Amino acid sequence: MMDTMNSYERLLFRRERAAGVAEGEMKGEIKGTAGLLENQLQRKFGPLPDWAVVRISQADAAILQQWGLNVLDAQGIEDVFRN
């Protein structure tokens, strides 16, 4: 396939492939962070309520990291999700 492309097409192909890899890595990072947060919460508070699982699944990486830090000081699971 690459041998039938001109240099501009090859450049675009490589950029698109790199962007796809970066997007996949970001999704993997978020999924890993969400999983870690769920494990921390279960260890500290027991089984997670459905609302917590939903909030975690909808959060971005920055929020997940903040909630991960909040676990350290939280007295109850609700405290984790306060910003």
PDB file of N, CA and C in Angstrom:
ATOM      1  N   MET A   1       0.826  -1.191   0.000  1.00  0.00           N
ATOM      2  CA  MET A   1       0.000   0.000   0.000  1.00  0.00           C
ATOM      3  C   MET A   1       0.871   1.257   0.000  1.00  0.00           C
ATOM      4  N   MET A   2       1.898   1.283   0.851  1.00  0.00           N
ATOM      5  CA  MET A   2       2.747   2.467   0.950  1.00  0.00           C
ATOM      6  C   MET A   2       3.485   2.749  -0.362  1.00  0.00           C
ATOM      7  N   ASP A   3       3.798   1.711  -1.134  1.00  0.00           N
ATOM      8  CA  ASP A   3       4.552   1.933  -2.364  1.00  0.00           C
ATOM      9  C   ASP A   3       3.705   2.572  -3.462  1.00  0.00           C
ATOM     10  N   THR A   4       2.383   2.591  -3.322  1.00  0.00           N
ATOM     11  CA  THR A   4       1.523   3.232  -4.315  1.00  0.00           C
ATOM     12  C   THR A   4       1.145   4.658  -3.911  1.00  0.00           C
ATOM     13  N   MET A   5       1.606   5.117  -2.770  1.00  0.00           N
ATOM     14  CA  MET A   5       1.297   6.474  -2.288  1.00  0.00           C
ATOM     15  C   MET A   5       2.434   7.429  -2.635  1.00  0.00           C
ATOM     16  N   ASN A   6       2.055   8.672  -2.870  1.00  0.00           N
ATOM     17  CA  ASN A   6       3.093   9.676  -3.031  1.00  0.00           C
ATOM     18  C   ASN A   6       3.559  10.126  -1.640  1.00  0.00           C
ATOM     19  N   SER A   7       4.567  10.953  -1.582  1.00  0.00           N
ATOM     20  CA  SER A   7       5.149  11.323  -0.284  1.00  0.00           C
ATOM     21  C   SER A   7       4.155  12.067   0.604  1.00  0.00           C
ATOM     22  N   TYR A   8       3.302  12.886   0.021  1.00  0.00           N
ATOM     23  CA  TYR A   8       2.288  13.608   0.801  1.00  0.00           C
ATOM     24  C   TYR A   8       1.286  12.634   1.406  1.00  0.00           C
ATOM     25  N   GLU A   9       0.835  11.673   0.610  1.00  0.00           N
ATOM     26  CA  GLU A   9      -0.110  10.674   1.107  1.00  0.00           C
ATOM     27  C   GLU A   9       0.510   9.828   2.227  1.00  0.00           C
ATOM     28  N   ARG A  10       1.782   9.489   2.079  1.00  0.00           N
ATOM     29  CA  ARG A  10       2.467   8.729   3.132  1.00  0.00           C
ATOM     30  C   ARG A  10       2.540   9.532   4.423  1.00  0.00           C
ATOM     31  N   LEU A  11       2.816  10.825   4.292  1.00  0.00           N
ATOM     32  CA  LEU A  11       2.878  11.699   5.461  1.00  0.00           C
ATOM     33  C   LEU A  11       1.523  11.751   6.160  1.00  0.00           C
ATOM     34  N   LEU A  12       0.461  11.936   5.406  1.00  0.00           N
ATOM     35  CA  LEU A  12      -0.885  11.958   5.988  1.00  0.00           C
ATOM     36  C   LEU A  12      -1.226  10.628   6.649  1.00  0.00           C
ATOM     37  N   PHE A  13      -0.889   9.531   6.005  1.00  0.00           N
ATOM     38  CA  PHE A  13      -1.151   8.208   6.558  1.00  0.00           C
ATOM     39  C   PHE A  13      -0.430   8.027   7.893  1.00  0.00           C
ATOM     40  N   ARG A  14       0.823   8.412   7.956  1.00  0.00           N
ATOM     41  CA  ARG A  14       1.596   8.272   9.197  1.00  0.00           C
ATOM     42  C   ARG A  14       1.033   9.150  10.314  1.00  0.00           C
ATOM     43  N   ARG A  15       0.617  10.369   9.959  1.00  0.00           N
ATOM     44  CA  ARG A  15       0.021  11.260  10.968  1.00  0.00           C
ATOM     45  C   ARG A  15      -1.285  10.683  11.523  1.00  0.00           C
ATOM     46  N   GLU A  16      -2.129  10.178  10.616  1.00  0.00           N
ATOM     47  CA  GLU A  16      -3.396   9.594  11.047  1.00  0.00           C
ATOM     48  C   GLU A  16      -3.170   8.358  11.910  1.00  0.00           C
ATOM     49  N   ARG A  17      -2.209   7.556  11.544  1.00  0.00           N
ATOM     50  CA  ARG A  17      -1.900   6.363  12.333  1.00  0.00           C
ATOM     51  C   ARG A  17      -1.376   6.756  13.709  1.00  0.00           C
ATOM     52  N   ALA A  18      -0.496   7.759  13.767  1.00  0.00           N
ATOM     53  CA  ALA A  18       0.038   8.226  15.048  1.00  0.00           C
ATOM     54  C   ALA A  18      -1.071   8.810  15.919  1.00  0.00           C
ATOM     55  N   ALA A  19      -1.986   9.548  15.313  1.00  0.00           N
ATOM     56  CA  ALA A  19      -3.108  10.116  16.071  1.00  0.00           C
ATOM     57  C   ALA A  19      -3.993   9.008  16.622  1.00  0.00           C
ATOM     58  N   GLY A  20      -4.223   7.977  15.837  1.00  0.00           N
ATOM     59  CA  GLY A  20      -5.027   6.849  16.296  1.00  0.00           C
ATOM     60  C   GLY A  20      -4.372   6.114  17.447  1.00  0.00           C
ATOM     61  N   VAL A  21      -3.063   5.949  17.383  1.00  0.00           N
ATOM     62  CA  VAL A  21      -2.327   5.305  18.473  1.00  0.00           C
ATOM     63  C   VAL A  21      -2.412   6.148  19.728  1.00  0.00           C
ATOM     64  N   ALA A  22      -2.217   7.463  19.590  1.00  0.00           N
ATOM     65  CA  ALA A  22      -2.287   8.353  20.756  1.00  0.00           C
ATOM     66  C   ALA A  22      -3.678   8.325  21.378  1.00  0.00           C
ATOM     67  N   GLU A  23      -4.714   8.316  20.543  1.00  0.00           N
ATOM     68  CA  GLU A  23      -6.081   8.266  21.061  1.00  0.00           C
ATOM     69  C   GLU A  23      -6.326   6.949  21.795  1.00  0.00           C
ATOM     70  N   GLY A  24      -5.830   5.865  21.233  1.00  0.00           N
ATOM     71  CA  GLY A  24      -5.976   4.567  21.882  1.00  0.00           C
ATOM     72  C   GLY A  24      -5.247   4.508  23.211  1.00  0.00           C
ATOM     73  N   GLU A  25      -4.057   5.105  23.268  1.00  0.00           N
ATOM     74  CA  GLU A  25      -3.303   5.144  24.522  1.00  0.00           C
ATOM     75  C   GLU A  25      -4.046   5.958  25.568  1.00  0.00           C
ATOM     76  N   MET A  26      -4.659   7.078  25.163  1.00  0.00           N
ATOM     77  CA  MET A  26      -5.399   7.920  26.098  1.00  0.00           C
ATOM     78  C   MET A  26      -6.600   7.163  26.640  1.00  0.00           C
ATOM     79  N   LYS A  27      -7.327   6.471  25.760  1.00  0.00           N
ATOM     80  CA  LYS A  27      -8.475   5.687  26.217  1.00  0.00           C
ATOM     81  C   LYS A  27      -8.020   4.593  27.172  1.00  0.00           C
ATOM     82  N   GLY A  28      -6.893   3.975  26.875  1.00  0.00           N
ATOM     83  CA  GLY A  28      -6.355   2.940  27.759  1.00  0.00           C
ATOM     84  C   GLY A  28      -5.954   3.504  29.103  1.00  0.00           C
ATOM     85  N   GLU A  29      -5.378   4.705  29.092  1.00  0.00           N
ATOM     86  CA  GLU A  29      -4.977   5.358  30.336  1.00  0.00           C
ATOM     87  C   GLU A  29      -6.201   5.673  31.190  1.00  0.00           C
ATOM     88  N   ILE A  30      -7.245   6.192  30.568  1.00  0.00           N
ATOM     89  CA  ILE A  30      -8.470   6.516  31.304  1.00  0.00           C
ATOM     90  C   ILE A  30      -9.088   5.237  31.876  1.00  0.00           C
ATOM     91  N   LYS A  31      -9.135   4.197  31.061  1.00  0.00           N
ATOM     92  CA  LYS A  31      -9.702   2.932  31.525  1.00  0.00           C
ATOM     93  C   LYS A  31      -8.897   2.389  32.703  1.00  0.00           C
ATOM     94  N   GLY A  32      -7.577   2.480  32.634  1.00  0.00           N
ATOM     95  CA  GLY A  32      -6.732   2.012  33.725  1.00  0.00           C
ATOM     96  C   GLY A  32      -6.915   2.838  34.987  1.00  0.00           C
ATOM     97  N   THR A  33      -7.020   4.151  34.835  1.00  0.00           N
ATOM     98  CA  THR A  33      -7.232   5.036  35.975  1.00  0.00           C
ATOM     99  C   THR A  33      -8.592   4.779  36.609  1.00  0.00           C
ATOM    100  N   ALA A  34      -9.607   4.573  35.789  1.00  0.00           N
ATOM    101  CA  ALA A  34     -10.950   4.286  36.299  1.00  0.00           C
ATOM    102  C   ALA A  34     -10.951   2.969  37.066  1.00  0.00           C
ATOM    103  N   GLY A  35     -10.272   1.976  36.541  1.00  0.00           N
ATOM    104  CA  GLY A  35     -10.190   0.683  37.221  1.00  0.00           C
ATOM    105  C   GLY A  35      -9.488   0.784  38.558  1.00  0.00           C
ATOM    106  N   LEU A  36      -8.412   1.544  38.595  1.00  0.00           N
ATOM    107  CA  LEU A  36      -7.691   1.745  39.854  1.00  0.00           C
ATOM    108  C   LEU A  36      -8.576   2.451  40.875  1.00  0.00           C
ATOM    109  N   LEU A  37      -9.278   3.485  40.441  1.00  0.00           N
ATOM    110  CA  LEU A  37     -10.170   4.213  41.348  1.00  0.00           C
ATOM    111  C   LEU A  37     -11.254   3.282  41.895  1.00  0.00           C
ATOM    112  N   GLU A  38     -11.846   2.474  41.024  1.00  0.00           N
ATOM    113  CA  GLU A  38     -12.864   1.533  41.489  1.00  0.00           C
ATOM    114  C   GLU A  38     -12.293   0.568  42.527  1.00  0.00           C
ATOM    115  N   ASN A  39     -11.091   0.076  42.294  1.00  0.00           N
ATOM    116  CA  ASN A  39     -10.460  -0.827  43.256  1.00  0.00           C
ATOM    117  C   ASN A  39     -10.211  -0.133  44.591  1.00  0.00           C
ATOM    118  N   GLN A  40      -9.732   1.107  44.549  1.00  0.00           N
ATOM    119  CA  GLN A  40      -9.488   1.860  45.783  1.00  0.00           C
ATOM    120  C   GLN A  40     -10.787   2.049  46.564  1.00  0.00           C
ATOM    121  N   LEU A  41     -11.838   2.433  45.846  1.00  0.00           N
ATOM    122  CA  LEU A  41     -13.122   2.680  46.498  1.00  0.00           C
ATOM    123  C   LEU A  41     -13.698   1.402  47.106  1.00  0.00           C
ATOM    124  N   GLN A  42     -13.606   0.301  46.384  1.00  0.00           N
ATOM    125  CA  GLN A  42     -14.115  -0.967  46.906  1.00  0.00           C
ATOM    126  C   GLN A  42     -13.328  -1.406  48.132  1.00  0.00           C
ATOM    127  N   ARG A  43     -12.049  -1.197  48.099  1.00  0.00           N
ATOM    128  CA  ARG A  43     -11.213  -1.584  49.248  1.00  0.00           C
ATOM    129  C   ARG A  43     -11.561  -0.765  50.483  1.00  0.00           C
ATOM    130  N   LYS A  44     -11.814   0.529  50.283  1.00  0.00           N
ATOM    131  CA  LYS A  44     -12.070   1.416  51.414  1.00  0.00           C
ATOM    132  C   LYS A  44     -13.523   1.393  51.871  1.00  0.00           C
ATOM    133  N   PHE A  45     -14.468   1.317  50.922  1.00  0.00           N
ATOM    134  CA  PHE A  45     -15.877   1.484  51.270  1.00  0.00           C
ATOM    135  C   PHE A  45     -16.752   0.262  50.995  1.00  0.00           C
ATOM    136  N   GLY A  46     -16.211  -0.771  50.373  1.00  0.00           N
ATOM    137  CA  GLY A  46     -17.021  -1.940  50.041  1.00  0.00           C
ATOM    138  C   GLY A  46     -17.630  -1.813  48.658  1.00  0.00           C
ATOM    139  N   PRO A  47     -18.658  -2.612  48.384  1.00  0.00           N
ATOM    140  CA  PRO A  47     -19.280  -2.600  47.049  1.00  0.00           C
ATOM    141  C   PRO A  47     -19.724  -1.192  46.639  1.00  0.00           C
ATOM    142  N   LEU A  48     -19.502  -0.884  45.366  1.00  0.00           N
ATOM    143  CA  LEU A  48     -19.816   0.447  44.858  1.00  0.00           C
ATOM    144  C   LEU A  48     -21.287   0.576  44.494  1.00  0.00           C
ATOM    145  N   PRO A  49     -21.891   1.698  44.860  1.00  0.00           N
ATOM    146  CA  PRO A  49     -23.259   1.947  44.397  1.00  0.00           C
ATOM    147  C   PRO A  49     -23.253   2.217  42.889  1.00  0.00           C
ATOM    148  N   ASP A  50     -24.374   1.943  42.254  1.00  0.00           N
ATOM    149  CA  ASP A  50     -24.473   2.128  40.800  1.00  0.00           C
ATOM    150  C   ASP A  50     -24.135   3.551  40.377  1.00  0.00           C
ATOM    151  N   TRP A  51     -24.566   4.554  41.149  1.00  0.00           N
ATOM    152  CA  TRP A  51     -24.307   5.941  40.762  1.00  0.00           C
ATOM    153  C   TRP A  51     -22.809   6.224  40.700  1.00  0.00           C
ATOM    154  N   ALA A  52     -22.017   5.589  41.566  1.00  0.00           N
ATOM    155  CA  ALA A  52     -20.567   5.808  41.556  1.00  0.00           C
ATOM    156  C   ALA A  52     -19.937   5.194  40.315  1.00  0.00           C
ATOM    157  N   VAL A  53     -20.367   4.012  39.948  1.00  0.00           N
ATOM    158  CA  VAL A  53     -19.850   3.351  38.748  1.00  0.00           C
ATOM    159  C   VAL A  53     -20.157   4.187  37.508  1.00  0.00           C
ATOM    160  N   VAL A  54     -21.358   4.741  37.446  1.00  0.00           N
ATOM    161  CA  VAL A  54     -21.748   5.580  36.309  1.00  0.00           C
ATOM    162  C   VAL A  54     -20.882   6.832  36.257  1.00  0.00           C
ATOM    163  N   ARG A  55     -20.699   7.492  37.390  1.00  0.00           N
ATOM    164  CA  ARG A  55     -19.883   8.717  37.390  1.00  0.00           C
ATOM    165  C   ARG A  55     -18.451   8.424  36.964  1.00  0.00           C
ATOM    166  N   ILE A  56     -17.892   7.326  37.435  1.00  0.00           N
ATOM    167  CA  ILE A  56     -16.523   6.964  37.060  1.00  0.00           C
ATOM    168  C   ILE A  56     -16.442   6.695  35.567  1.00  0.00           C
ATOM    169  N   SER A  57     -17.416   5.993  35.018  1.00  0.00           N
ATOM    170  CA  SER A  57     -17.382   5.648  33.592  1.00  0.00           C
ATOM    171  C   SER A  57     -17.513   6.866  32.686  1.00  0.00           C
ATOM    172  N   GLN A  58     -18.063   7.964  33.202  1.00  0.00           N
ATOM    173  CA  GLN A  58     -18.274   9.160  32.390  1.00  0.00           C
ATOM    174  C   GLN A  58     -17.196  10.229  32.605  1.00  0.00           C
ATOM    175  N   ALA A  59     -16.277   9.992  33.518  1.00  0.00           N
ATOM    176  CA  ALA A  59     -15.285  11.016  33.877  1.00  0.00           C
ATOM    177  C   ALA A  59     -14.085  10.999  32.932  1.00  0.00           C
ATOM    178  N   ASP A  60     -13.436  12.164  32.818  1.00  0.00           N
ATOM    179  CA  ASP A  60     -12.204  12.234  32.038  1.00  0.00           C
ATOM    180  C   ASP A  60     -11.010  11.972  32.958  1.00  0.00           C
ATOM    181  N   ALA A  61      -9.825  11.926  32.371  1.00  0.00           N
ATOM    182  CA  ALA A  61      -8.617  11.548  33.110  1.00  0.00           C
ATOM    183  C   ALA A  61      -8.326  12.493  34.271  1.00  0.00           C
ATOM    184  N   ALA A  62      -8.496  13.791  34.077  1.00  0.00           N
ATOM    185  CA  ALA A  62      -8.189  14.762  35.136  1.00  0.00           C
ATOM    186  C   ALA A  62      -9.102  14.577  36.348  1.00  0.00           C
ATOM    187  N   ILE A  63     -10.377  14.363  36.093  1.00  0.00           N
ATOM    188  CA  ILE A  63     -11.332  14.155  37.188  1.00  0.00           C
ATOM    189  C   ILE A  63     -11.029  12.850  37.913  1.00  0.00           C
ATOM    190  N   LEU A  64     -10.731  11.794  37.160  1.00  0.00           N
ATOM    191  CA  LEU A  64     -10.402  10.516  37.784  1.00  0.00           C
ATOM    192  C   LEU A  64      -9.186  10.643  38.697  1.00  0.00           C
ATOM    193  N   GLN A  65      -8.194  11.387  38.264  1.00  0.00           N
ATOM    194  CA  GLN A  65      -7.012  11.594  39.100  1.00  0.00           C
ATOM    195  C   GLN A  65      -7.355  12.365  40.365  1.00  0.00           C
ATOM    196  N   GLN A  66      -8.193  13.381  40.242  1.00  0.00           N
ATOM    197  CA  GLN A  66      -8.603  14.149  41.418  1.00  0.00           C
ATOM    198  C   GLN A  66      -9.370  13.271  42.395  1.00  0.00           C
ATOM    199  N   TRP A  67     -10.288  12.468  41.880  1.00  0.00           N
ATOM    200  CA  TRP A  67     -11.047  11.576  42.744  1.00  0.00           C
ATOM    201  C   TRP A  67     -10.132  10.556  43.411  1.00  0.00           C
ATOM    202  N   GLY A  68      -9.112  10.105  42.683  1.00  0.00           N
ATOM    203  CA  GLY A  68      -8.141   9.175  43.266  1.00  0.00           C
ATOM    204  C   GLY A  68      -7.430   9.780  44.463  1.00  0.00           C
ATOM    205  N   LEU A  69      -7.119  11.057  44.373  1.00  0.00           N
ATOM    206  CA  LEU A  69      -6.510  11.752  45.516  1.00  0.00           C
ATOM    207  C   LEU A  69      -7.521  11.961  46.639  1.00  0.00           C
ATOM    208  N   ASN A  70      -8.759  12.249  46.274  1.00  0.00           N
ATOM    209  CA  ASN A  70      -9.802  12.471  47.278  1.00  0.00           C
ATOM    210  C   ASN A  70     -10.039  11.236  48.140  1.00  0.00           C
ATOM    211  N   VAL A  71      -9.794  10.052  47.586  1.00  0.00           N
ATOM    212  CA  VAL A  71      -9.992   8.810  48.343  1.00  0.00           C
ATOM    213  C   VAL A  71      -9.171   8.836  49.632  1.00  0.00           C
ATOM    214  N   LEU A  72      -8.008   9.443  49.579  1.00  0.00           N
ATOM    215  CA  LEU A  72      -7.110   9.430  50.737  1.00  0.00           C
ATOM    216  C   LEU A  72      -7.711  10.095  51.966  1.00  0.00           C
ATOM    217  N   ASP A  73      -8.490  11.150  51.773  1.00  0.00           N
ATOM    218  CA  ASP A  73      -9.050  11.901  52.895  1.00  0.00           C
ATOM    219  C   ASP A  73     -10.532  11.642  53.125  1.00  0.00           C
ATOM    220  N   ALA A  74     -11.178  10.897  52.256  1.00  0.00           N
ATOM    221  CA  ALA A  74     -12.626  10.729  52.312  1.00  0.00           C
ATOM    222  C   ALA A  74     -13.059   9.899  53.518  1.00  0.00           C
ATOM    223  N   GLN A  75     -14.081  10.365  54.179  1.00  0.00           N
ATOM    224  CA  GLN A  75     -14.696   9.624  55.271  1.00  0.00           C
ATOM    225  C   GLN A  75     -15.829   8.725  54.760  1.00  0.00           C
ATOM    226  N   GLY A  76     -16.443   9.149  53.658  1.00  0.00           N
ATOM    227  CA  GLY A  76     -17.500   8.373  53.007  1.00  0.00           C
ATOM    228  C   GLY A  76     -17.313   8.468  51.511  1.00  0.00           C
ATOM    229  N   ILE A  77     -17.951   7.582  50.788  1.00  0.00           N
ATOM    230  CA  ILE A  77     -17.771   7.531  49.340  1.00  0.00           C
ATOM    231  C   ILE A  77     -18.221   8.835  48.669  1.00  0.00           C
ATOM    232  N   GLU A  78     -19.217   9.489  49.238  1.00  0.00           N
ATOM    233  CA  GLU A  78     -19.698  10.754  48.665  1.00  0.00           C
ATOM    234  C   GLU A  78     -18.600  11.815  48.668  1.00  0.00           C
ATOM    235  N   ASP A  79     -17.734  11.764  49.677  1.00  0.00           N
ATOM    236  CA  ASP A  79     -16.646  12.750  49.784  1.00  0.00           C
ATOM    237  C   ASP A  79     -15.676  12.663  48.599  1.00  0.00           C
ATOM    238  N   VAL A  80     -15.524  11.495  48.037  1.00  0.00           N
ATOM    239  CA  VAL A  80     -14.588  11.293  46.924  1.00  0.00           C
ATOM    240  C   VAL A  80     -14.998  12.112  45.720  1.00  0.00           C
ATOM    241  N   PHE A  81     -16.300  12.228  45.486  1.00  0.00           N
ATOM    242  CA  PHE A  81     -16.813  12.848  44.275  1.00  0.00           C
ATOM    243  C   PHE A  81     -17.071  14.341  44.400  1.00  0.00           C
ATOM    244  N   ARG A  82     -16.688  14.911  45.505  1.00  0.00           N
ATOM    245  CA  ARG A  82     -16.786  16.364  45.653  1.00  0.00           C
ATOM    246  C   ARG A  82     -15.533  16.991  45.085  1.00  0.00           C
ATOM    247  N   ASN A  83     -15.692  18.047  44.306  1.00  0.00           N
ATOM    248  CA  ASN A  83     -14.533  18.691  43.678  1.00  0.00           C
ATOM    249  C   ASN A  83     -14.028  19.850  44.486  1.00  0.00           C
TER     250      ASN A  83
END
